[in-house]
Amino acid sequence: HDRLALCELQEEELGELRAAFRGDRRVEIHQRDGYEALKALLPPKERRALVLIDPPFEAQEQEFDIIRKAIEPALARMASAVVAIWYPIKLRQMINPFHRWLRQSDLPKVLACELLLHPDNSALRLNGSGMVIINAPWQLDRTLEELMPALLGLLGQGRFGSQRVEWLTREG
């Protein structure tokens, strides 16, 4: 009985999504900005939701500002939504202000999970990736703490790989 609503602006990716889910009545594909769609799609009729934000991050600092402006109204519309935000890791100093904002926010149960394959100090390449989960499900931290070392073992490319799972906030 679950449904999936996908938002994509890029024509090529939109076509691939439509082809992949053609005929599946549970899937809605929208050619629109996902941040704007949050207002229209939350809350869903099922009264539960997982919102995955996979931004383009061409301009990382600006993207974090856009995310900040979208999260609070979305959670005001549906406080129980689980919001997972993917982000690339190039320079740590670009991520620190976002994490600091999350730590200081009133957002509930914010869990950060990161996997680095290279040191996090080169803007010239993707060094790793992270995900912040707001309203993180019960014991997700324990599951990730078990999985992340194995994932690093499979994907690691040398001695600079690392992983971490950290609560940024535990209460709302």
Protein backbone atom coordinates (compact mmCIF):
# COMPACT_ATOMS: atom_id res chain seq x y z
CA HIS A 1 0.00 0.00 0.00
CA ASP A 2 3.02 2.29 -0.06
CA ARG A 3 3.38 4.99 -2.67
CA LEU A 4 6.39 6.72 -4.16
CA ALA A 5 6.48 10.31 -5.37
CA LEU A 6 9.59 11.32 -7.30
CA CYS A 7 10.56 14.83 -8.37
CA GLU A 8 13.11 15.50 -11.08
CA LEU A 9 13.89 18.60 -13.15
CA GLN A 10 16.41 17.15 -15.64
CA GLU A 11 14.79 15.85 -18.85
CA GLU A 12 17.06 12.84 -19.33
CA GLU A 13 16.73 11.58 -15.76
CA LEU A 14 12.99 12.26 -15.86
CA GLY A 15 12.67 10.06 -18.95
CA GLU A 16 14.65 7.28 -17.30
CA LEU A 17 12.45 7.42 -14.20
CA ARG A 18 9.28 7.30 -16.30
CA ALA A 19 10.61 4.33 -18.26
CA ALA A 20 11.70 2.48 -15.11
CA PHE A 21 8.33 2.88 -13.37
CA ARG A 22 6.02 2.74 -16.39
CA GLY A 23 2.81 0.98 -15.47
CA ASP A 24 3.39 1.04 -11.70
CA ARG A 25 0.37 2.88 -10.29
CA ARG A 26 2.07 3.31 -6.92
CA VAL A 27 4.66 5.66 -8.41
CA GLU A 28 4.05 9.32 -9.26
CA ILE A 29 6.76 11.16 -11.19
CA HIS A 30 6.74 14.95 -11.17
CA GLN A 31 8.81 17.29 -13.30
CA ARG A 32 9.23 19.93 -10.65
CA ASP A 33 11.54 21.23 -7.98
CA GLY A 34 11.51 18.77 -5.08
CA TYR A 35 11.83 21.50 -2.47
CA GLU A 36 8.71 23.23 -3.79
CA ALA A 37 6.90 19.89 -4.04
CA LEU A 38 7.29 19.31 -0.30
CA LYS A 39 4.50 21.80 0.31
CA ALA A 40 2.16 19.95 -2.03
CA LEU A 41 3.09 16.39 -1.11
CA LEU A 42 3.23 16.60 2.69
CA PRO A 43 1.44 15.19 4.51
CA PRO A 44 0.51 12.16 2.38
CA LYS A 45 -2.78 10.38 2.91
CA GLU A 46 -0.93 7.47 4.58
CA ARG A 47 0.15 9.87 7.38
CA ARG A 48 3.73 8.55 7.26
CA ALA A 49 6.57 9.54 4.98
CA LEU A 50 10.22 9.16 4.14
CA VAL A 51 11.55 12.22 2.33
CA LEU A 52 14.86 11.66 0.54
CA ILE A 53 16.62 14.82 -0.53
CA ASP A 54 19.33 14.17 -3.12
CA PRO A 55 20.35 17.68 -4.18
CA PRO A 56 22.57 18.52 -7.16
CA PHE A 57 25.23 20.30 -5.00
CA GLU A 58 26.90 22.18 -7.82
CA ALA A 59 27.28 25.03 -5.32
CA GLN A 60 27.52 23.30 -1.94
CA GLU A 61 27.15 26.25 0.42
CA GLN A 62 24.08 27.56 -1.39
CA GLU A 63 22.52 24.09 -1.45
CA PHE A 64 22.77 23.78 2.33
CA ASP A 65 20.96 27.13 2.62
CA ILE A 66 18.19 25.87 0.33
CA ILE A 67 17.90 22.67 2.38
CA ARG A 68 17.67 24.62 5.64
CA LYS A 69 14.87 26.77 4.25
CA ALA A 70 12.94 23.69 3.03
CA ILE A 71 13.25 21.41 6.08
CA GLU A 72 11.47 23.43 8.75
CA PRO A 73 8.28 24.15 6.74
CA ALA A 74 8.18 20.52 5.61
CA LEU A 75 8.37 19.26 9.19
CA ALA A 76 5.81 21.86 10.25
CA ARG A 77 3.45 20.22 7.75
CA MET A 78 4.34 16.72 8.96
CA ALA A 79 6.39 16.53 12.14
CA SER A 80 6.73 12.74 12.02
CA ALA A 81 8.29 12.57 8.53
CA VAL A 82 11.68 10.92 8.33
CA VAL A 83 13.89 13.25 6.28
CA ALA A 84 17.12 11.86 4.82
CA ILE A 85 19.49 14.36 3.22
CA TRP A 86 22.41 13.12 1.13
CA TYR A 87 25.47 15.34 0.71
CA PRO A 88 28.88 15.04 -0.96
CA ILE A 89 32.02 15.47 1.09
CA LYS A 90 34.75 17.48 -0.59
CA LEU A 91 35.82 20.02 2.01
CA ARG A 92 34.85 19.46 5.64
CA GLN A 93 34.62 23.20 6.25
CA MET A 94 31.66 23.37 3.83
CA ILE A 95 29.70 20.80 5.87
CA ASN A 96 30.52 22.04 9.37
CA PRO A 97 28.10 25.01 9.31
CA PHE A 98 25.24 22.74 8.23
CA HIS A 99 25.98 20.27 11.03
CA ARG A 100 26.33 23.14 13.51
CA TRP A 101 22.91 24.47 12.43
CA LEU A 102 21.39 20.99 12.88
CA ARG A 103 22.95 20.65 16.36
CA GLN A 104 21.51 24.00 17.42
CA SER A 105 18.10 23.39 15.87
CA ASP A 106 15.00 22.01 17.54
CA LEU A 107 14.88 19.19 15.01
CA PRO A 108 14.29 15.76 16.54
CA LYS A 109 16.69 12.83 16.48
CA VAL A 110 19.21 13.99 13.88
CA LEU A 111 21.69 11.28 12.95
CA ALA A 112 24.72 11.86 10.69
CA CYS A 113 26.39 9.02 8.82
CA GLU A 114 29.47 9.51 6.65
CA LEU A 115 31.76 7.37 4.54
CA LEU A 116 35.07 8.86 3.36
CA LEU A 117 37.33 7.19 0.83
CA HIS A 118 39.87 10.04 0.79
CA PRO A 119 40.83 12.83 3.21
CA ASP A 120 38.06 15.44 3.46
CA ASN A 121 40.22 18.38 2.41
CA SER A 122 40.26 18.38 -1.41
CA ALA A 123 37.70 20.42 -3.32
CA LEU A 124 38.88 18.82 -6.56
CA ARG A 125 37.20 15.47 -6.01
CA LEU A 126 34.42 13.70 -4.24
CA ASN A 127 36.12 12.38 -1.10
CA GLY A 128 33.09 10.69 0.37
CA SER A 129 29.45 11.18 1.09
CA GLY A 130 27.20 11.63 4.04
CA MET A 131 23.58 11.49 5.01
CA VAL A 132 21.73 13.28 7.75
CA ILE A 133 18.53 11.60 8.93
CA ILE A 134 15.98 13.71 10.81
CA ASN A 135 13.51 11.70 12.90
CA ALA A 136 15.90 8.77 12.56
CA PRO A 137 14.10 5.48 13.21
CA TRP A 138 14.71 3.63 16.45
CA GLN A 139 18.07 1.79 16.49
CA LEU A 140 19.10 3.04 13.06
CA ASP A 141 22.35 4.19 14.66
CA ARG A 142 23.12 0.65 15.83
CA THR A 143 22.36 -0.81 12.42
CA LEU A 144 24.59 1.74 10.69
CA GLU A 145 27.39 1.23 13.22
CA GLU A 146 27.41 -2.44 12.19
CA LEU A 147 27.16 -1.81 8.45
CA MET A 148 29.54 1.10 7.94
CA PRO A 149 32.82 -0.75 8.72
CA ALA A 150 31.84 -3.47 6.26
CA LEU A 151 30.93 -0.88 3.63
CA LEU A 152 34.27 0.86 4.15
CA GLY A 153 36.01 -2.50 3.80
CA LEU A 154 34.32 -3.08 0.45
CA LEU A 155 34.74 0.42 -0.96
CA GLY A 156 37.90 1.62 0.76
CA GLN A 157 40.71 2.71 -1.54
CA GLY A 158 43.57 3.10 0.87
CA ARG A 159 44.58 4.12 4.33
CA PHE A 160 42.64 7.39 4.35
CA GLY A 161 39.18 5.84 4.36
CA SER A 162 36.99 6.41 7.39
CA GLN A 163 33.42 6.17 8.52
CA ARG A 164 31.34 7.65 11.31
CA VAL A 165 27.85 7.53 12.75
CA GLU A 166 27.04 10.39 15.11
CA TRP A 167 23.96 11.84 16.77
CA LEU A 168 23.76 15.57 16.15
CA THR A 169 20.61 15.82 18.28
CA ARG A 170 18.70 13.16 20.15
CA GLU A 171 15.56 15.01 21.19
CA GLY A 172 13.19 17.37 19.50
